[in-house]
Amino acid sequence: MEELQEKILHRESVTIEVENNTTPFSDLDEEVKLALHCASEKKASHLIVIDLREIASFTEFFVVASGSNQRQVQAIADEINEQLKKQMNTRLVRTEGYTTGEWVLLDYGDFIVHVFEKNAREFYDLERLWLDAKRVDLPAEI
């Protein structure tokens, strides 16, 4: 019995190494680039793009952005939606969470925009959930 307890107490730790693969910015569709630009114009922070093409079939990219409060989150979502409609004639498939403004999801089919209030982003941690997906190298000016 003591031998079994000793084995349990001395388990080896395992580390998981994830490849640091990235996707070039030039691979993004113009609509995704415009969404990033709009979010940046409204002072969104911590912008990232997750490339899901190799691991998911429901969409190609997640655009993830943060706003500092409910109003900014809604303003970022509004600007993205308005400019995509106006400049690219791109229509939303669906919107979720706009009223509360903690996490607004804008689904455009080929890509999904997630605009989080800071605390909600930390809580849901999409970056960790999609850790095995590639990240897009974003230019410094975004």
N, C-alpha and C. Protein backbone atom coordinates (compact mmCIF):
# COMPACT_ATOMS: atom_id res chain seq x y z
N MET A 1 0.82 -1.20 0.00
CA MET A 1 0.00 0.00 0.00
C MET A 1 0.86 1.26 0.00
N GLU A 2 1.93 1.25 0.82
CA GLU A 2 2.82 2.41 0.86
C GLU A 2 3.49 2.63 -0.49
N GLU A 3 3.79 1.53 -1.17
CA GLU A 3 4.42 1.63 -2.48
C GLU A 3 3.49 2.32 -3.48
N LEU A 4 2.22 1.99 -3.43
CA LEU A 4 1.23 2.60 -4.31
C LEU A 4 1.08 4.09 -4.01
N GLN A 5 1.01 4.44 -2.73
CA GLN A 5 0.91 5.84 -2.35
C GLN A 5 2.13 6.62 -2.84
N GLU A 6 3.28 6.02 -2.71
CA GLU A 6 4.50 6.70 -3.12
C GLU A 6 4.49 6.96 -4.63
N LYS A 7 4.01 6.02 -5.42
CA LYS A 7 3.93 6.20 -6.86
C LYS A 7 2.97 7.32 -7.22
N ILE A 8 1.86 7.39 -6.53
CA ILE A 8 0.87 8.43 -6.78
C ILE A 8 1.43 9.81 -6.45
N LEU A 9 2.16 9.91 -5.38
CA LEU A 9 2.70 11.19 -4.94
C LEU A 9 3.84 11.68 -5.82
N HIS A 10 4.49 10.79 -6.52
CA HIS A 10 5.66 11.16 -7.31
C HIS A 10 5.41 11.06 -8.81
N ARG A 11 4.22 11.47 -9.23
CA ARG A 11 3.92 11.47 -10.67
C ARG A 11 4.77 12.50 -11.38
N GLU A 12 5.13 12.18 -12.58
CA GLU A 12 5.91 13.12 -13.37
C GLU A 12 4.97 14.17 -13.97
N SER A 13 5.46 15.38 -14.04
CA SER A 13 4.66 16.41 -14.68
C SER A 13 4.91 16.36 -16.18
N VAL A 14 3.88 16.71 -16.91
CA VAL A 14 3.96 16.68 -18.37
C VAL A 14 3.77 18.09 -18.89
N THR A 15 4.61 18.50 -19.81
CA THR A 15 4.44 19.81 -20.43
C THR A 15 4.03 19.59 -21.88
N ILE A 16 3.18 20.46 -22.35
CA ILE A 16 2.69 20.38 -23.71
C ILE A 16 3.30 21.53 -24.49
N GLU A 17 3.96 21.19 -25.56
CA GLU A 17 4.54 22.23 -26.41
C GLU A 17 3.62 22.45 -27.59
N VAL A 18 3.28 23.70 -27.83
CA VAL A 18 2.42 24.05 -28.94
C VAL A 18 3.28 24.75 -29.98
N GLU A 19 3.13 24.32 -31.22
CA GLU A 19 3.90 24.95 -32.29
C GLU A 19 3.52 26.42 -32.40
N ASN A 20 4.49 27.24 -32.68
CA ASN A 20 4.25 28.66 -32.80
C ASN A 20 4.04 29.03 -34.27
N ASN A 21 3.03 28.42 -34.88
CA ASN A 21 2.73 28.69 -36.28
C ASN A 21 1.91 29.95 -36.39
N THR A 22 2.23 30.75 -37.37
CA THR A 22 1.45 31.95 -37.61
C THR A 22 1.03 32.01 -39.07
N THR A 23 0.00 32.78 -39.30
CA THR A 23 -0.53 33.02 -40.64
C THR A 23 -0.16 34.44 -41.03
N PRO A 24 0.29 34.67 -42.25
CA PRO A 24 0.61 36.04 -42.65
C PRO A 24 -0.66 36.89 -42.80
N PHE A 25 -0.51 38.16 -42.50
CA PHE A 25 -1.62 39.12 -42.59
C PHE A 25 -2.21 39.13 -44.00
N SER A 26 -1.39 38.94 -45.00
CA SER A 26 -1.85 38.97 -46.40
C SER A 26 -2.85 37.86 -46.72
N ASP A 27 -2.92 36.81 -45.91
CA ASP A 27 -3.88 35.72 -46.13
C ASP A 27 -5.31 36.11 -45.75
N LEU A 28 -5.48 37.21 -45.03
CA LEU A 28 -6.82 37.61 -44.58
C LEU A 28 -7.64 38.19 -45.73
N ASP A 29 -8.94 37.93 -45.70
CA ASP A 29 -9.87 38.55 -46.65
C ASP A 29 -9.96 40.03 -46.35
N GLU A 30 -10.36 40.80 -47.34
CA GLU A 30 -10.49 42.25 -47.17
C GLU A 30 -11.51 42.61 -46.09
N GLU A 31 -12.55 41.81 -45.94
CA GLU A 31 -13.55 42.07 -44.90
C GLU A 31 -12.96 41.97 -43.51
N VAL A 32 -12.10 40.97 -43.30
CA VAL A 32 -11.46 40.80 -42.00
C VAL A 32 -10.51 41.96 -41.72
N LYS A 33 -9.77 42.37 -42.74
CA LYS A 33 -8.86 43.51 -42.59
C LYS A 33 -9.65 44.78 -42.25
N LEU A 34 -10.79 44.96 -42.90
CA LEU A 34 -11.62 46.14 -42.60
C LEU A 34 -12.15 46.08 -41.17
N ALA A 35 -12.58 44.91 -40.71
CA ALA A 35 -13.06 44.76 -39.33
C ALA A 35 -11.95 45.13 -38.35
N LEU A 36 -10.74 44.70 -38.61
CA LEU A 36 -9.60 45.05 -37.75
C LEU A 36 -9.36 46.55 -37.75
N HIS A 37 -9.40 47.14 -38.93
CA HIS A 37 -9.19 48.59 -39.05
C HIS A 37 -10.26 49.36 -38.26
N CYS A 38 -11.51 48.94 -38.39
CA CYS A 38 -12.61 49.61 -37.68
C CYS A 38 -12.45 49.49 -36.17
N ALA A 39 -12.08 48.31 -35.70
CA ALA A 39 -11.87 48.12 -34.27
C ALA A 39 -10.74 49.01 -33.78
N SER A 40 -9.68 49.08 -34.56
CA SER A 40 -8.54 49.92 -34.20
C SER A 40 -8.93 51.40 -34.16
N GLU A 41 -9.75 51.83 -35.11
CA GLU A 41 -10.21 53.22 -35.15
C GLU A 41 -11.02 53.60 -33.90
N LYS A 42 -11.72 52.62 -33.34
CA LYS A 42 -12.52 52.86 -32.12
C LYS A 42 -11.73 52.53 -30.86
N LYS A 43 -10.41 52.45 -31.00
CA LYS A 43 -9.48 52.27 -29.88
C LYS A 43 -9.65 50.93 -29.16
N ALA A 44 -9.99 49.88 -29.92
CA ALA A 44 -10.03 48.53 -29.34
C ALA A 44 -8.61 48.15 -28.93
N SER A 45 -8.52 47.36 -27.89
CA SER A 45 -7.20 46.91 -27.44
C SER A 45 -7.08 45.40 -27.60
N HIS A 46 -5.85 44.94 -27.52
CA HIS A 46 -5.54 43.50 -27.58
C HIS A 46 -6.19 42.81 -28.78
N LEU A 47 -6.01 43.39 -29.95
CA LEU A 47 -6.55 42.79 -31.17
C LEU A 47 -5.74 41.57 -31.57
N ILE A 48 -6.45 40.48 -31.83
CA ILE A 48 -5.81 39.28 -32.36
C ILE A 48 -6.74 38.67 -33.41
N VAL A 49 -6.16 37.87 -34.27
CA VAL A 49 -6.94 37.09 -35.22
C VAL A 49 -6.47 35.65 -35.09
N ILE A 50 -7.43 34.76 -34.92
CA ILE A 50 -7.17 33.34 -34.79
C ILE A 50 -7.58 32.66 -36.09
N ASP A 51 -6.67 31.93 -36.70
CA ASP A 51 -6.91 31.23 -37.96
C ASP A 51 -7.43 29.84 -37.65
N LEU A 52 -8.70 29.61 -37.95
CA LEU A 52 -9.34 28.33 -37.64
C LEU A 52 -9.48 27.42 -38.86
N ARG A 53 -8.96 27.81 -39.99
CA ARG A 53 -9.20 27.08 -41.23
C ARG A 53 -8.78 25.62 -41.17
N GLU A 54 -7.73 25.31 -40.44
CA GLU A 54 -7.24 23.93 -40.39
C GLU A 54 -7.92 23.07 -39.32
N ILE A 55 -8.65 23.71 -38.40
CA ILE A 55 -9.19 22.91 -37.28
C ILE A 55 -10.70 23.04 -37.07
N ALA A 56 -11.36 23.92 -37.82
CA ALA A 56 -12.80 24.09 -37.64
C ALA A 56 -13.47 24.25 -39.00
N SER A 57 -14.73 23.86 -39.07
CA SER A 57 -15.46 23.97 -40.34
C SER A 57 -16.54 25.05 -40.30
N PHE A 58 -16.84 25.60 -39.14
CA PHE A 58 -17.94 26.55 -39.03
C PHE A 58 -17.56 27.98 -39.40
N THR A 59 -16.27 28.30 -39.38
CA THR A 59 -15.78 29.63 -39.76
C THR A 59 -14.29 29.54 -40.05
N GLU A 60 -13.75 30.59 -40.67
CA GLU A 60 -12.33 30.59 -40.99
C GLU A 60 -11.48 31.34 -39.97
N PHE A 61 -12.01 32.47 -39.48
CA PHE A 61 -11.22 33.30 -38.57
C PHE A 61 -12.07 33.81 -37.42
N PHE A 62 -11.44 33.98 -36.27
CA PHE A 62 -11.99 34.75 -35.16
C PHE A 62 -11.19 36.04 -35.08
N VAL A 63 -11.88 37.16 -35.04
CA VAL A 63 -11.26 38.43 -34.73
C VAL A 63 -11.65 38.72 -33.29
N VAL A 64 -10.68 38.94 -32.43
CA VAL A 64 -10.94 39.17 -31.01
C VAL A 64 -10.39 40.55 -30.63
N ALA A 65 -11.25 41.34 -29.98
CA ALA A 65 -10.87 42.69 -29.56
C ALA A 65 -11.45 42.96 -28.18
N SER A 66 -10.87 43.93 -27.51
CA SER A 66 -11.36 44.33 -26.18
C SER A 66 -11.71 45.80 -26.16
N GLY A 67 -12.75 46.10 -25.40
CA GLY A 67 -13.11 47.47 -25.09
C GLY A 67 -13.06 47.64 -23.59
N SER A 68 -12.91 48.88 -23.15
CA SER A 68 -12.74 49.10 -21.71
C SER A 68 -14.06 49.13 -20.94
N ASN A 69 -15.17 49.32 -21.64
CA ASN A 69 -16.48 49.34 -20.97
C ASN A 69 -17.57 48.98 -21.96
N GLN A 70 -18.81 48.90 -21.48
CA GLN A 70 -19.94 48.49 -22.31
C GLN A 70 -20.13 49.40 -23.52
N ARG A 71 -20.04 50.68 -23.31
CA ARG A 71 -20.25 51.62 -24.42
C ARG A 71 -19.19 51.48 -25.50
N GLN A 72 -17.95 51.30 -25.09
CA GLN A 72 -16.90 51.14 -26.09
C GLN A 72 -17.06 49.83 -26.85
N VAL A 73 -17.42 48.76 -26.15
CA VAL A 73 -17.66 47.47 -26.80
C VAL A 73 -18.74 47.63 -27.86
N GLN A 74 -19.83 48.29 -27.51
CA GLN A 74 -20.92 48.50 -28.47
C GLN A 74 -20.49 49.40 -29.62
N ALA A 75 -19.70 50.44 -29.34
CA ALA A 75 -19.23 51.35 -30.39
C ALA A 75 -18.32 50.62 -31.37
N ILE A 76 -17.46 49.73 -30.87
CA ILE A 76 -16.58 48.94 -31.74
C ILE A 76 -17.43 48.05 -32.64
N ALA A 77 -18.40 47.35 -32.05
CA ALA A 77 -19.29 46.47 -32.82
C ALA A 77 -20.08 47.27 -33.86
N ASP A 78 -20.60 48.42 -33.47
CA ASP A 78 -21.35 49.27 -34.41
C ASP A 78 -20.51 49.69 -35.60
N GLU A 79 -19.29 50.14 -35.32
CA GLU A 79 -18.41 50.61 -36.40
C GLU A 79 -18.06 49.49 -37.37
N ILE A 80 -17.75 48.33 -36.84
CA ILE A 80 -17.43 47.18 -37.70
C ILE A 80 -18.63 46.85 -38.58
N ASN A 81 -19.80 46.73 -37.97
CA ASN A 81 -21.00 46.37 -38.72
C ASN A 81 -21.34 47.42 -39.77
N GLU A 82 -21.29 48.68 -39.40
CA GLU A 82 -21.64 49.76 -40.31
C GLU A 82 -20.70 49.83 -41.50
N GLN A 83 -19.39 49.75 -41.26
CA GLN A 83 -18.42 49.88 -42.34
C GLN A 83 -18.39 48.65 -43.25
N LEU A 84 -18.58 47.46 -42.69
CA LEU A 84 -18.63 46.27 -43.54
C LEU A 84 -19.86 46.32 -44.45
N LYS A 85 -20.97 46.81 -43.91
CA LYS A 85 -22.17 46.94 -44.72
C LYS A 85 -21.98 48.01 -45.80
N LYS A 86 -21.43 49.14 -45.41
CA LYS A 86 -21.28 50.29 -46.31
C LYS A 86 -20.21 50.06 -47.38
N GLN A 87 -19.03 49.60 -46.98
CA GLN A 87 -17.91 49.50 -47.91
C GLN A 87 -17.83 48.18 -48.68
N MET A 88 -18.29 47.10 -48.06
CA MET A 88 -18.14 45.78 -48.68
C MET A 88 -19.47 45.09 -48.98
N ASN A 89 -20.56 45.74 -48.59
CA ASN A 89 -21.89 45.15 -48.74
C ASN A 89 -21.97 43.78 -48.05
N THR A 90 -21.28 43.67 -46.94
CA THR A 90 -21.25 42.44 -46.15
C THR A 90 -22.30 42.52 -45.06
N ARG A 91 -23.15 41.53 -45.01
CA ARG A 91 -24.25 41.51 -44.06
C ARG A 91 -23.99 40.51 -42.93
N LEU A 92 -24.44 40.87 -41.76
CA LEU A 92 -24.35 39.99 -40.60
C LEU A 92 -25.24 38.76 -40.76
N VAL A 93 -24.74 37.61 -40.35
CA VAL A 93 -25.57 36.41 -40.27
C VAL A 93 -26.35 36.47 -38.96
N ARG A 94 -25.67 36.86 -37.89
CA ARG A 94 -26.34 37.05 -36.60
C ARG A 94 -25.47 37.85 -35.65
N THR A 95 -26.11 38.40 -34.65
CA THR A 95 -25.45 39.17 -33.59
C THR A 95 -25.90 38.61 -32.25
N GLU A 96 -24.99 38.55 -31.31
CA GLU A 96 -25.32 38.09 -29.95
C GLU A 96 -24.68 39.03 -28.94
N GLY A 97 -25.35 39.27 -27.83
CA GLY A 97 -24.77 39.96 -26.69
C GLY A 97 -24.67 41.47 -26.77
N TYR A 98 -25.27 42.07 -27.78
CA TYR A 98 -25.12 43.52 -27.96
C TYR A 98 -25.72 44.30 -26.79
N THR A 99 -26.86 43.88 -26.31
CA THR A 99 -27.58 44.62 -25.26
C THR A 99 -26.77 44.74 -23.98
N THR A 100 -26.14 43.65 -23.57
CA THR A 100 -25.37 43.69 -22.32
C THR A 100 -24.00 44.33 -22.52
N GLY A 101 -23.45 44.19 -23.71
CA GLY A 101 -22.17 44.83 -24.02
C GLY A 101 -20.96 44.24 -23.33
N GLU A 102 -21.08 43.05 -22.76
CA GLU A 102 -19.91 42.39 -22.16
C GLU A 102 -19.14 41.60 -23.21
N TRP A 103 -19.89 40.93 -24.09
CA TRP A 103 -19.30 40.13 -25.15
C TRP A 103 -20.23 40.20 -26.33
N VAL A 104 -19.85 40.95 -27.35
CA VAL A 104 -20.66 41.06 -28.55
C VAL A 104 -20.04 40.16 -29.61
N LEU A 105 -20.88 39.30 -30.17
CA LEU A 105 -20.45 38.40 -31.22
C LEU A 105 -21.11 38.85 -32.52
N LEU A 106 -20.30 39.08 -33.53
CA LEU A 106 -20.77 39.45 -34.87
C LEU A 106 -20.38 38.33 -35.81
N ASP A 107 -21.36 37.58 -36.29
CA ASP A 107 -21.10 36.42 -37.14
C ASP A 107 -21.33 36.81 -38.60
N TYR A 108 -20.25 36.76 -39.37
CA TYR A 108 -20.32 37.07 -40.80
C TYR A 108 -20.16 35.81 -41.66
N GLY A 109 -20.28 34.65 -41.05
CA GLY A 109 -20.13 33.40 -41.79
C GLY A 109 -18.69 32.98 -41.91
N ASP A 110 -17.94 33.62 -42.80
CA ASP A 110 -16.54 33.27 -43.02
C ASP A 110 -15.64 33.70 -41.86
N PHE A 111 -16.09 34.66 -41.09
CA PHE A 111 -15.34 35.08 -39.91
C PHE A 111 -16.31 35.56 -38.84
N ILE A 112 -15.85 35.50 -37.62
CA ILE A 112 -16.66 35.92 -36.46
C ILE A 112 -15.85 36.91 -35.66
N VAL A 113 -16.47 38.04 -35.33
CA VAL A 113 -15.84 39.06 -34.53
C VAL A 113 -16.34 38.94 -33.09
N HIS A 114 -15.42 38.87 -32.15
CA HIS A 114 -15.75 38.85 -30.73
C HIS A 114 -15.21 40.14 -30.12
N VAL A 115 -16.10 40.95 -29.58
CA VAL A 115 -15.67 42.18 -28.90
C VAL A 115 -16.03 42.01 -27.43
N PHE A 116 -15.01 42.00 -26.60
CA PHE A 116 -15.17 41.73 -25.17
C PHE A 116 -14.92 42.97 -24.33
N GLU A 117 -15.64 43.07 -23.25
CA GLU A 117 -15.26 43.96 -22.16
C GLU A 117 -14.11 43.23 -21.46
N LYS A 118 -13.17 43.95 -20.90
CA LYS A 118 -11.92 43.39 -20.36
C LYS A 118 -12.15 42.17 -19.46
N ASN A 119 -13.02 42.28 -18.48
CA ASN A 119 -13.22 41.18 -17.53
C ASN A 119 -13.83 39.95 -18.20
N ALA A 120 -14.74 40.17 -19.14
CA ALA A 120 -15.35 39.05 -19.85
C ALA A 120 -14.31 38.32 -20.70
N ARG A 121 -13.41 39.07 -21.31
CA ARG A 121 -12.36 38.44 -22.13
C ARG A 121 -11.47 37.56 -21.28
N GLU A 122 -11.10 38.04 -20.12
CA GLU A 122 -10.28 37.24 -19.21
C GLU A 122 -11.03 35.99 -18.75
N PHE A 123 -12.32 36.13 -18.48
CA PHE A 123 -13.11 35.01 -17.99
C PHE A 123 -13.27 33.92 -19.05
N TYR A 124 -13.66 34.30 -20.27
CA TYR A 124 -13.91 33.31 -21.32
C TYR A 124 -12.64 32.81 -22.01
N ASP A 125 -11.62 33.63 -22.07
CA ASP A 125 -10.28 33.24 -22.52
C ASP A 125 -10.28 32.41 -23.81
N LEU A 126 -10.83 33.00 -24.87
CA LEU A 126 -10.87 32.31 -26.16
C LEU A 126 -9.49 31.92 -26.66
N GLU A 127 -8.49 32.72 -26.35
CA GLU A 127 -7.14 32.42 -26.80
C GLU A 127 -6.67 31.07 -26.25
N ARG A 128 -7.02 30.77 -25.01
CA ARG A 128 -6.64 29.49 -24.42
C ARG A 128 -7.47 28.37 -25.03
N LEU A 129 -8.77 28.61 -25.24
CA LEU A 129 -9.63 27.57 -25.80
C LEU A 129 -9.21 27.16 -27.21
N TRP A 130 -8.68 28.09 -27.96
CA TRP A 130 -8.26 27.83 -29.33
C TRP A 130 -6.73 27.90 -29.44
N LEU A 131 -6.05 27.39 -28.44
CA LEU A 131 -4.60 27.43 -28.37
C LEU A 131 -3.92 26.69 -29.52
N ASP A 132 -4.57 25.66 -30.03
CA ASP A 132 -3.96 24.87 -31.11
C ASP A 132 -4.13 25.51 -32.49
N ALA A 133 -4.86 26.62 -32.57
CA ALA A 133 -5.05 27.31 -33.85
C ALA A 133 -3.89 28.28 -34.09
N LYS A 134 -3.68 28.58 -35.36
CA LYS A 134 -2.64 29.55 -35.72
C LYS A 134 -3.10 30.96 -35.38
N ARG A 135 -2.16 31.84 -35.14
CA ARG A 135 -2.43 33.26 -34.95
C ARG A 135 -1.99 34.00 -36.20
N VAL A 136 -2.63 35.10 -36.49
CA VAL A 136 -2.27 35.91 -37.65
C VAL A 136 -1.29 36.98 -37.20
N ASP A 137 -0.22 37.13 -37.94
CA ASP A 137 0.74 38.20 -37.67
C ASP A 137 0.12 39.53 -38.08
N LEU A 138 -0.21 40.35 -37.11
CA LEU A 138 -0.82 41.64 -37.41
C LEU A 138 0.26 42.71 -37.51
N PRO A 139 0.11 43.63 -38.46
CA PRO A 139 1.09 44.72 -38.55
C PRO A 139 1.02 45.62 -37.32
N ALA A 140 2.11 46.28 -37.04
CA ALA A 140 2.20 47.13 -35.85
C ALA A 140 1.20 48.28 -35.87
N GLU A 141 0.84 48.78 -37.04
CA GLU A 141 -0.05 49.93 -37.11
C GLU A 141 -1.51 49.60 -36.79
N ILE A 142 -1.84 48.34 -36.61
CA ILE A 142 -3.22 47.97 -36.25
C ILE A 142 -3.36 48.00 -34.75
